[in-house]
Structures are given as C-alpha cells and as structure tokens.
Amino acid sequence: MDAVCSPGEIVLSQPAYIRQMTASFGIDDGIETTPMEANLAVERSEIKCEDRKYRAMIGALLYVARFSRPDIMVATNLLARH
C-alpha cells in the first residue's frame, strides 16, 4: 500500500496489489474506468463460472474497496449479491 501525506490529507493507493489481482484473475485488459454506470441493472448470468474463483475475486475487490478505493464499494457489493 502506498501512502502520500501532505498538509490536510493522506492519500492511500494499492496499484501493485490491483495489478497483481487483475493479472491473477485474467482480467488485466488495461481498461481503468469507474466500474459501473448509473442505474445499471445486474442480472444473474446463464453462463456458469467457478463459484470459488468468483468469490475470491469479489473478496479481493472488497479488500481494495475497503482500504483504498471507496469509489468501487457500491459496484462490488452489488456484484457480491449474485
């Protein structure tokens, strides 16, 4: 975890962990955007994915969201429901 301190603020980031996580799950496509559009309707997919891998990915995203990326918390929690 990287921390940058300046008067009145502390900025936390985890770029190395995020790169490692995306590479390990095979989702390292170079796109770095806010992960969810407004009012997105998420439905359960008919495509079966490995439950254990999906849960591991959601857990890793929750860790990142909790400590350094609160902007992805809502999207991650929405995905964790499915």
PDB file of N, CA and C in Angstrom:
ATOM      1  N   MET A   1       0.844  -1.164   0.000  1.00  0.00           N
ATOM      2  CA  MET A   1       0.000   0.000   0.000  1.00  0.00           C
ATOM      3  C   MET A   1       0.890   1.227   0.000  1.00  0.00           C
ATOM      4  N   ASP A   2       0.554   2.169  -0.850  1.00  0.00           N
ATOM      5  CA  ASP A   2       1.287   3.421  -0.922  1.00  0.00           C
ATOM      6  C   ASP A   2       0.517   4.486  -0.151  1.00  0.00           C
ATOM      7  N   ALA A   3       1.231   5.312   0.564  1.00  0.00           N
ATOM      8  CA  ALA A   3       0.615   6.419   1.287  1.00  0.00           C
ATOM      9  C   ALA A   3       1.383   7.694   0.973  1.00  0.00           C
ATOM     10  N   VAL A   4       0.648   8.741   0.621  1.00  0.00           N
ATOM     11  CA  VAL A   4       1.234  10.047   0.354  1.00  0.00           C
ATOM     12  C   VAL A   4       0.610  11.025   1.337  1.00  0.00           C
ATOM     13  N   CYS A   5       1.451  11.623   2.153  1.00  0.00           N
ATOM     14  CA  CYS A   5       0.969  12.567   3.162  1.00  0.00           C
ATOM     15  C   CYS A   5       1.299  13.994   2.738  1.00  0.00           C
ATOM     16  N   SER A   6       0.318  14.840   2.876  1.00  0.00           N
ATOM     17  CA  SER A   6       0.513  16.262   2.643  1.00  0.00           C
ATOM     18  C   SER A   6      -0.332  17.001   3.667  1.00  0.00           C
ATOM     19  N   PRO A   7      -0.105  18.278   3.840  1.00  0.00           N
ATOM     20  CA  PRO A   7      -0.881  19.012   4.840  1.00  0.00           C
ATOM     21  C   PRO A   7      -2.391  18.894   4.586  1.00  0.00           C
ATOM     22  N   GLY A   8      -3.085  18.332   5.544  1.00  0.00           N
ATOM     23  CA  GLY A   8      -4.533  18.232   5.454  1.00  0.00           C
ATOM     24  C   GLY A   8      -5.081  16.996   4.781  1.00  0.00           C
ATOM     25  N   GLU A   9      -4.222  16.112   4.239  1.00  0.00           N
ATOM     26  CA  GLU A   9      -4.749  14.907   3.605  1.00  0.00           C
ATOM     27  C   GLU A   9      -3.723  13.782   3.572  1.00  0.00           C
ATOM     28  N   ILE A  10      -4.249  12.576   3.531  1.00  0.00           N
ATOM     29  CA  ILE A  10      -3.449  11.367   3.342  1.00  0.00           C
ATOM     30  C   ILE A  10      -4.104  10.605   2.199  1.00  0.00           C
ATOM     31  N   VAL A  11      -3.330  10.274   1.187  1.00  0.00           N
ATOM     32  CA  VAL A  11      -3.846   9.556   0.031  1.00  0.00           C
ATOM     33  C   VAL A  11      -3.277   8.139   0.055  1.00  0.00           C
ATOM     34  N   LEU A  12      -4.178   7.144   0.054  1.00  0.00           N
ATOM     35  CA  LEU A  12      -3.783   5.745   0.043  1.00  0.00           C
ATOM     36  C   LEU A  12      -4.071   5.150  -1.324  1.00  0.00           C
ATOM     37  N   SER A  13      -3.178   4.285  -1.795  1.00  0.00           N
ATOM     38  CA  SER A  13      -3.409   3.584  -3.060  1.00  0.00           C
ATOM     39  C   SER A  13      -2.717   2.232  -3.018  1.00  0.00           C
ATOM     40  N   GLN A  14      -3.177   1.327  -3.870  1.00  0.00           N
ATOM     41  CA  GLN A  14      -2.631  -0.028  -3.931  1.00  0.00           C
ATOM     42  C   GLN A  14      -2.411  -0.460  -5.377  1.00  0.00           C
ATOM     43  N   PRO A  15      -1.663   0.275  -6.153  1.00  0.00           N
ATOM     44  CA  PRO A  15      -1.539  -0.078  -7.570  1.00  0.00           C
ATOM     45  C   PRO A  15      -0.887  -1.443  -7.812  1.00  0.00           C
ATOM     46  N   ALA A  16       0.112  -1.803  -7.041  1.00  0.00           N
ATOM     47  CA  ALA A  16       0.778  -3.092  -7.246  1.00  0.00           C
ATOM     48  C   ALA A  16      -0.169  -4.246  -6.933  1.00  0.00           C
ATOM     49  N   TYR A  17      -0.918  -4.139  -5.841  1.00  0.00           N
ATOM     50  CA  TYR A  17      -1.870  -5.191  -5.475  1.00  0.00           C
ATOM     51  C   TYR A  17      -2.963  -5.316  -6.525  1.00  0.00           C
ATOM     52  N   ILE A  18      -3.465  -4.194  -7.010  1.00  0.00           N
ATOM     53  CA  ILE A  18      -4.534  -4.221  -8.010  1.00  0.00           C
ATOM     54  C   ILE A  18      -4.038  -4.844  -9.313  1.00  0.00           C
ATOM     55  N   ARG A  19      -2.814  -4.496  -9.754  1.00  0.00           N
ATOM     56  CA  ARG A  19      -2.247  -5.114 -10.963  1.00  0.00           C
ATOM     57  C   ARG A  19      -2.075  -6.612 -10.784  1.00  0.00           C
ATOM     58  N   GLN A  20      -1.569  -7.028  -9.628  1.00  0.00           N
ATOM     59  CA  GLN A  20      -1.373  -8.457  -9.347  1.00  0.00           C
ATOM     60  C   GLN A  20      -2.703  -9.191  -9.313  1.00  0.00           C
ATOM     61  N   MET A  21      -3.710  -8.587  -8.691  1.00  0.00           N
ATOM     62  CA  MET A  21      -5.022  -9.204  -8.582  1.00  0.00           C
ATOM     63  C   MET A  21      -5.669  -9.366  -9.954  1.00  0.00           C
ATOM     64  N   THR A  22      -5.652  -8.316 -10.770  1.00  0.00           N
ATOM     65  CA  THR A  22      -6.280  -8.418 -12.085  1.00  0.00           C
ATOM     66  C   THR A  22      -5.555  -9.429 -12.974  1.00  0.00           C
ATOM     67  N   ALA A  23      -4.248  -9.485 -12.872  1.00  0.00           N
ATOM     68  CA  ALA A  23      -3.493 -10.473 -13.655  1.00  0.00           C
ATOM     69  C   ALA A  23      -3.820 -11.894 -13.198  1.00  0.00           C
ATOM     70  N   SER A  24      -3.939 -12.116 -11.903  1.00  0.00           N
ATOM     71  CA  SER A  24      -4.201 -13.468 -11.398  1.00  0.00           C
ATOM     72  C   SER A  24      -5.598 -13.962 -11.769  1.00  0.00           C
ATOM     73  N   PHE A  25      -6.553 -13.044 -11.962  1.00  0.00           N
ATOM     74  CA  PHE A  25      -7.906 -13.443 -12.360  1.00  0.00           C
ATOM     75  C   PHE A  25      -8.116 -13.363 -13.866  1.00  0.00           C
ATOM     76  N   GLY A  26      -7.096 -12.960 -14.592  1.00  0.00           N
ATOM     77  CA  GLY A  26      -7.194 -12.914 -16.050  1.00  0.00           C
ATOM     78  C   GLY A  26      -8.075 -11.785 -16.563  1.00  0.00           C
ATOM     79  N   ILE A  27      -8.152 -10.690 -15.823  1.00  0.00           N
ATOM     80  CA  ILE A  27      -8.988  -9.562 -16.250  1.00  0.00           C
ATOM     81  C   ILE A  27      -8.143  -8.316 -16.480  1.00  0.00           C
ATOM     82  N   ASP A  28      -6.879  -8.515 -16.752  1.00  0.00           N
ATOM     83  CA  ASP A  28      -5.955  -7.404 -16.954  1.00  0.00           C
ATOM     84  C   ASP A  28      -6.007  -6.959 -18.412  1.00  0.00           C
ATOM     85  N   ASP A  29      -7.017  -6.157 -18.741  1.00  0.00           N
ATOM     86  CA  ASP A  29      -7.181  -5.717 -20.125  1.00  0.00           C
ATOM     87  C   ASP A  29      -6.734  -4.281 -20.351  1.00  0.00           C
ATOM     88  N   GLY A  30      -6.169  -3.650 -19.324  1.00  0.00           N
ATOM     89  CA  GLY A  30      -5.653  -2.301 -19.467  1.00  0.00           C
ATOM     90  C   GLY A  30      -6.687  -1.204 -19.335  1.00  0.00           C
ATOM     91  N   ILE A  31      -7.954  -1.574 -19.149  1.00  0.00           N
ATOM     92  CA  ILE A  31      -9.009  -0.573 -19.015  1.00  0.00           C
ATOM     93  C   ILE A  31      -9.146  -0.194 -17.545  1.00  0.00           C
ATOM     94  N   GLU A  32      -9.011   1.079 -17.265  1.00  0.00           N
ATOM     95  CA  GLU A  32      -9.122   1.566 -15.897  1.00  0.00           C
ATOM     96  C   GLU A  32     -10.184   2.653 -15.857  1.00  0.00           C
ATOM     97  N   THR A  33     -11.412   2.262 -15.568  1.00  0.00           N
ATOM     98  CA  THR A  33     -12.516   3.211 -15.500  1.00  0.00           C
ATOM     99  C   THR A  33     -13.357   2.914 -14.269  1.00  0.00           C
ATOM    100  N   THR A  34     -14.274   3.812 -13.964  1.00  0.00           N
ATOM    101  CA  THR A  34     -15.232   3.531 -12.910  1.00  0.00           C
ATOM    102  C   THR A  34     -16.035   2.328 -13.356  1.00  0.00           C
ATOM    103  N   PRO A  35     -16.208   1.351 -12.502  1.00  0.00           N
ATOM    104  CA  PRO A  35     -16.699   0.050 -12.937  1.00  0.00           C
ATOM    105  C   PRO A  35     -18.190  -0.077 -13.216  1.00  0.00           C
ATOM    106  N   MET A  36     -18.993   0.941 -12.915  1.00  0.00           N
ATOM    107  CA  MET A  36     -20.424   0.748 -13.073  1.00  0.00           C
ATOM    108  C   MET A  36     -21.096   2.040 -13.524  1.00  0.00           C
ATOM    109  N   GLU A  37     -21.957   1.913 -14.498  1.00  0.00           N
ATOM    110  CA  GLU A  37     -22.727   3.078 -14.926  1.00  0.00           C
ATOM    111  C   GLU A  37     -23.914   3.275 -13.993  1.00  0.00           C
ATOM    112  N   ALA A  38     -24.464   4.460 -13.989  1.00  0.00           N
ATOM    113  CA  ALA A  38     -25.595   4.775 -13.116  1.00  0.00           C
ATOM    114  C   ALA A  38     -26.812   3.936 -13.493  1.00  0.00           C
ATOM    115  N   ASN A  39     -27.532   3.465 -12.485  1.00  0.00           N
ATOM    116  CA  ASN A  39     -28.774   2.696 -12.654  1.00  0.00           C
ATOM    117  C   ASN A  39     -28.593   1.422 -13.468  1.00  0.00           C
ATOM    118  N   LEU A  40     -27.447   0.785 -13.347  1.00  0.00           N
ATOM    119  CA  LEU A  40     -27.184  -0.460 -14.068  1.00  0.00           C
ATOM    120  C   LEU A  40     -27.994  -1.588 -13.441  1.00  0.00           C
ATOM    121  N   ALA A  41     -28.724  -2.327 -14.254  1.00  0.00           N
ATOM    122  CA  ALA A  41     -29.482  -3.481 -13.772  1.00  0.00           C
ATOM    123  C   ALA A  41     -28.612  -4.725 -13.937  1.00  0.00           C
ATOM    124  N   VAL A  42     -28.255  -5.346 -12.838  1.00  0.00           N
ATOM    125  CA  VAL A  42     -27.407  -6.541 -12.871  1.00  0.00           C
ATOM    126  C   VAL A  42     -28.299  -7.763 -12.701  1.00  0.00           C
ATOM    127  N   GLU A  43     -28.176  -8.691 -13.629  1.00  0.00           N
ATOM    128  CA  GLU A  43     -28.962  -9.919 -13.582  1.00  0.00           C
ATOM    129  C   GLU A  43     -28.030 -11.111 -13.485  1.00  0.00           C
ATOM    130  N   ARG A  44     -28.543 -12.184 -12.919  1.00  0.00           N
ATOM    131  CA  ARG A  44     -27.762 -13.409 -12.816  1.00  0.00           C
ATOM    132  C   ARG A  44     -27.500 -13.952 -14.212  1.00  0.00           C
ATOM    133  N   SER A  45     -26.260 -14.278 -14.476  1.00  0.00           N
ATOM    134  CA  SER A  45     -25.857 -14.760 -15.792  1.00  0.00           C
ATOM    135  C   SER A  45     -26.218 -16.231 -15.965  1.00  0.00           C
ATOM    136  N   GLU A  46     -26.539 -16.608 -17.182  1.00  0.00           N
ATOM    137  CA  GLU A  46     -26.782 -18.011 -17.502  1.00  0.00           C
ATOM    138  C   GLU A  46     -25.462 -18.764 -17.643  1.00  0.00           C
ATOM    139  N   ILE A  47     -24.388 -18.019 -17.862  1.00  0.00           N
ATOM    140  CA  ILE A  47     -23.069 -18.627 -18.014  1.00  0.00           C
ATOM    141  C   ILE A  47     -22.551 -18.998 -16.632  1.00  0.00           C
ATOM    142  N   LYS A  48     -22.210 -20.258 -16.469  1.00  0.00           N
ATOM    143  CA  LYS A  48     -21.701 -20.721 -15.185  1.00  0.00           C
ATOM    144  C   LYS A  48     -20.220 -20.371 -15.058  1.00  0.00           C
ATOM    145  N   CYS A  49     -19.854 -19.808 -13.929  1.00  0.00           N
ATOM    146  CA  CYS A  49     -18.448 -19.569 -13.658  1.00  0.00           C
ATOM    147  C   CYS A  49     -18.094 -20.320 -12.384  1.00  0.00           C
ATOM    148  N   GLU A  50     -16.852 -20.516 -12.177  1.00  0.00           N
ATOM    149  CA  GLU A  50     -16.397 -21.239 -10.999  1.00  0.00           C
ATOM    150  C   GLU A  50     -16.711 -20.409  -9.751  1.00  0.00           C
ATOM    151  N   ASP A  51     -17.566 -20.952  -8.896  1.00  0.00           N
ATOM    152  CA  ASP A  51     -18.007 -20.248  -7.692  1.00  0.00           C
ATOM    153  C   ASP A  51     -16.845 -19.774  -6.824  1.00  0.00           C
ATOM    154  N   ARG A  52     -15.878 -20.631  -6.633  1.00  0.00           N
ATOM    155  CA  ARG A  52     -14.748 -20.298  -5.761  1.00  0.00           C
ATOM    156  C   ARG A  52     -13.942 -19.117  -6.327  1.00  0.00           C
ATOM    157  N   LYS A  53     -13.715 -19.120  -7.638  1.00  0.00           N
ATOM    158  CA  LYS A  53     -12.959 -18.044  -8.272  1.00  0.00           C
ATOM    159  C   LYS A  53     -13.736 -16.727  -8.188  1.00  0.00           C
ATOM    160  N   TYR A  54     -15.053 -16.782  -8.418  1.00  0.00           N
ATOM    161  CA  TYR A  54     -15.879 -15.570  -8.346  1.00  0.00           C
ATOM    162  C   TYR A  54     -15.846 -14.989  -6.937  1.00  0.00           C
ATOM    163  N   ARG A  55     -15.990 -15.844  -5.927  1.00  0.00           N
ATOM    164  CA  ARG A  55     -15.946 -15.374  -4.539  1.00  0.00           C
ATOM    165  C   ARG A  55     -14.587 -14.794  -4.185  1.00  0.00           C
ATOM    166  N   ALA A  56     -13.528 -15.409  -4.679  1.00  0.00           N
ATOM    167  CA  ALA A  56     -12.181 -14.889  -4.430  1.00  0.00           C
ATOM    168  C   ALA A  56     -12.006 -13.513  -5.068  1.00  0.00           C
ATOM    169  N   MET A  57     -12.553 -13.345  -6.281  1.00  0.00           N
ATOM    170  CA  MET A  57     -12.455 -12.062  -6.962  1.00  0.00           C
ATOM    171  C   MET A  57     -13.242 -10.995  -6.201  1.00  0.00           C
ATOM    172  N   ILE A  58     -14.434 -11.312  -5.758  1.00  0.00           N
ATOM    173  CA  ILE A  58     -15.246 -10.360  -5.000  1.00  0.00           C
ATOM    174  C   ILE A  58     -14.546 -10.017  -3.683  1.00  0.00           C
ATOM    175  N   GLY A  59     -13.965 -11.004  -3.018  1.00  0.00           N
ATOM    176  CA  GLY A  59     -13.228 -10.751  -1.775  1.00  0.00           C
ATOM    177  C   GLY A  59     -12.052  -9.821  -1.982  1.00  0.00           C
ATOM    178  N   ALA A  60     -11.317 -10.039  -3.062  1.00  0.00           N
ATOM    179  CA  ALA A  60     -10.173  -9.169  -3.368  1.00  0.00           C
ATOM    180  C   ALA A  60     -10.639  -7.750  -3.670  1.00  0.00           C
ATOM    181  N   LEU A  61     -11.741  -7.621  -4.395  1.00  0.00           N
ATOM    182  CA  LEU A  61     -12.282  -6.287  -4.693  1.00  0.00           C
ATOM    183  C   LEU A  61     -12.793  -5.593  -3.432  1.00  0.00           C
ATOM    184  N   LEU A  62     -13.414  -6.347  -2.526  1.00  0.00           N
ATOM    185  CA  LEU A  62     -13.878  -5.769  -1.265  1.00  0.00           C
ATOM    186  C   LEU A  62     -12.704  -5.254  -0.434  1.00  0.00           C
ATOM    187  N   TYR A  63     -11.591  -5.999  -0.444  1.00  0.00           N
ATOM    188  CA  TYR A  63     -10.403  -5.560   0.277  1.00  0.00           C
ATOM    189  C   TYR A  63      -9.900  -4.228  -0.280  1.00  0.00           C
ATOM    190  N   VAL A  64      -9.804  -4.150  -1.597  1.00  0.00           N
ATOM    191  CA  VAL A  64      -9.340  -2.917  -2.239  1.00  0.00           C
ATOM    192  C   VAL A  64     -10.305  -1.770  -1.958  1.00  0.00           C
ATOM    193  N   ALA A  65     -11.605  -2.041  -2.087  1.00  0.00           N
ATOM    194  CA  ALA A  65     -12.613  -1.001  -1.864  1.00  0.00           C
ATOM    195  C   ALA A  65     -12.575  -0.495  -0.427  1.00  0.00           C
ATOM    196  N   ARG A  66     -12.379  -1.377   0.506  1.00  0.00           N
ATOM    197  CA  ARG A  66     -12.388  -1.009   1.924  1.00  0.00           C
ATOM    198  C   ARG A  66     -11.209  -0.114   2.290  1.00  0.00           C
ATOM    199  N   PHE A  67     -10.042  -0.402   1.750  1.00  0.00           N
ATOM    200  CA  PHE A  67      -8.845   0.306   2.199  1.00  0.00           C
ATOM    201  C   PHE A  67      -8.375   1.448   1.300  1.00  0.00           C
ATOM    202  N   SER A  68      -8.656   1.393   0.004  1.00  0.00           N
ATOM    203  CA  SER A  68      -8.106   2.467  -0.828  1.00  0.00           C
ATOM    204  C   SER A  68      -8.980   2.902  -1.996  1.00  0.00           C
ATOM    205  N   ARG A  69     -10.071   2.214  -2.283  1.00  0.00           N
ATOM    206  CA  ARG A  69     -10.911   2.592  -3.425  1.00  0.00           C
ATOM    207  C   ARG A  69     -12.393   2.576  -3.049  1.00  0.00           C
ATOM    208  N   PRO A  70     -12.815   3.495  -2.183  1.00  0.00           N
ATOM    209  CA  PRO A  70     -14.228   3.504  -1.797  1.00  0.00           C
ATOM    210  C   PRO A  70     -15.163   3.765  -2.982  1.00  0.00           C
ATOM    211  N   ASP A  71     -14.639   4.271  -4.082  1.00  0.00           N
ATOM    212  CA  ASP A  71     -15.466   4.528  -5.261  1.00  0.00           C
ATOM    213  C   ASP A  71     -15.984   3.252  -5.913  1.00  0.00           C
ATOM    214  N   ILE A  72     -15.386   2.094  -5.615  1.00  0.00           N
ATOM    215  CA  ILE A  72     -15.867   0.840  -6.197  1.00  0.00           C
ATOM    216  C   ILE A  72     -16.693   0.015  -5.212  1.00  0.00           C
ATOM    217  N   MET A  73     -16.935   0.529  -4.011  1.00  0.00           N
ATOM    218  CA  MET A  73     -17.641  -0.239  -2.985  1.00  0.00           C
ATOM    219  C   MET A  73     -19.066  -0.594  -3.391  1.00  0.00           C
ATOM    220  N   VAL A  74     -19.826   0.340  -3.913  1.00  0.00           N
ATOM    221  CA  VAL A  74     -21.217   0.063  -4.283  1.00  0.00           C
ATOM    222  C   VAL A  74     -21.276  -0.989  -5.386  1.00  0.00           C
ATOM    223  N   ALA A  75     -20.468  -0.842  -6.414  1.00  0.00           N
ATOM    224  CA  ALA A  75     -20.457  -1.809  -7.512  1.00  0.00           C
ATOM    225  C   ALA A  75     -20.035  -3.190  -7.026  1.00  0.00           C
ATOM    226  N   THR A  76     -19.038  -3.246  -6.166  1.00  0.00           N
ATOM    227  CA  THR A  76     -18.564  -4.533  -5.652  1.00  0.00           C
ATOM    228  C   THR A  76     -19.632  -5.207  -4.806  1.00  0.00           C
ATOM    229  N   ASN A  77     -20.302  -4.449  -3.958  1.00  0.00           N
ATOM    230  CA  ASN A  77     -21.376  -5.023  -3.144  1.00  0.00           C
ATOM    231  C   ASN A  77     -22.539  -5.513  -4.013  1.00  0.00           C
ATOM    232  N   LEU A  78     -22.844  -4.796  -5.075  1.00  0.00           N
ATOM    233  CA  LEU A  78     -23.893  -5.217  -5.987  1.00  0.00           C
ATOM    234  C   LEU A  78     -23.519  -6.543  -6.650  1.00  0.00           C
ATOM    235  N   LEU A  79     -22.285  -6.670  -7.082  1.00  0.00           N
ATOM    236  CA  LEU A  79     -21.825  -7.922  -7.711  1.00  0.00           C
ATOM    237  C   LEU A  79     -21.752  -9.069  -6.703  1.00  0.00           C
ATOM    238  N   ALA A  80     -21.488  -8.745  -5.442  1.00  0.00           N
ATOM    239  CA  ALA A  80     -21.385  -9.784  -4.412  1.00  0.00           C
ATOM    240  C   ALA A  80     -22.730 -10.449  -4.146  1.00  0.00           C
ATOM    241  N   ARG A  81     -23.812  -9.828  -4.519  1.00  0.00           N
ATOM    242  CA  ARG A  81     -25.141 -10.409  -4.322  1.00  0.00           C
ATOM    243  C   ARG A  81     -25.441 -11.537  -5.288  1.00  0.00           C
ATOM    244  N   HIS A  82     -24.693 -11.644  -6.365  1.00  0.00           N
ATOM    245  CA  HIS A  82     -25.011 -12.639  -7.406  1.00  0.00           C
ATOM    246  C   HIS A  82     -24.048 -13.784  -7.398  1.00  0.00           C
TER     247      HIS A  82
END
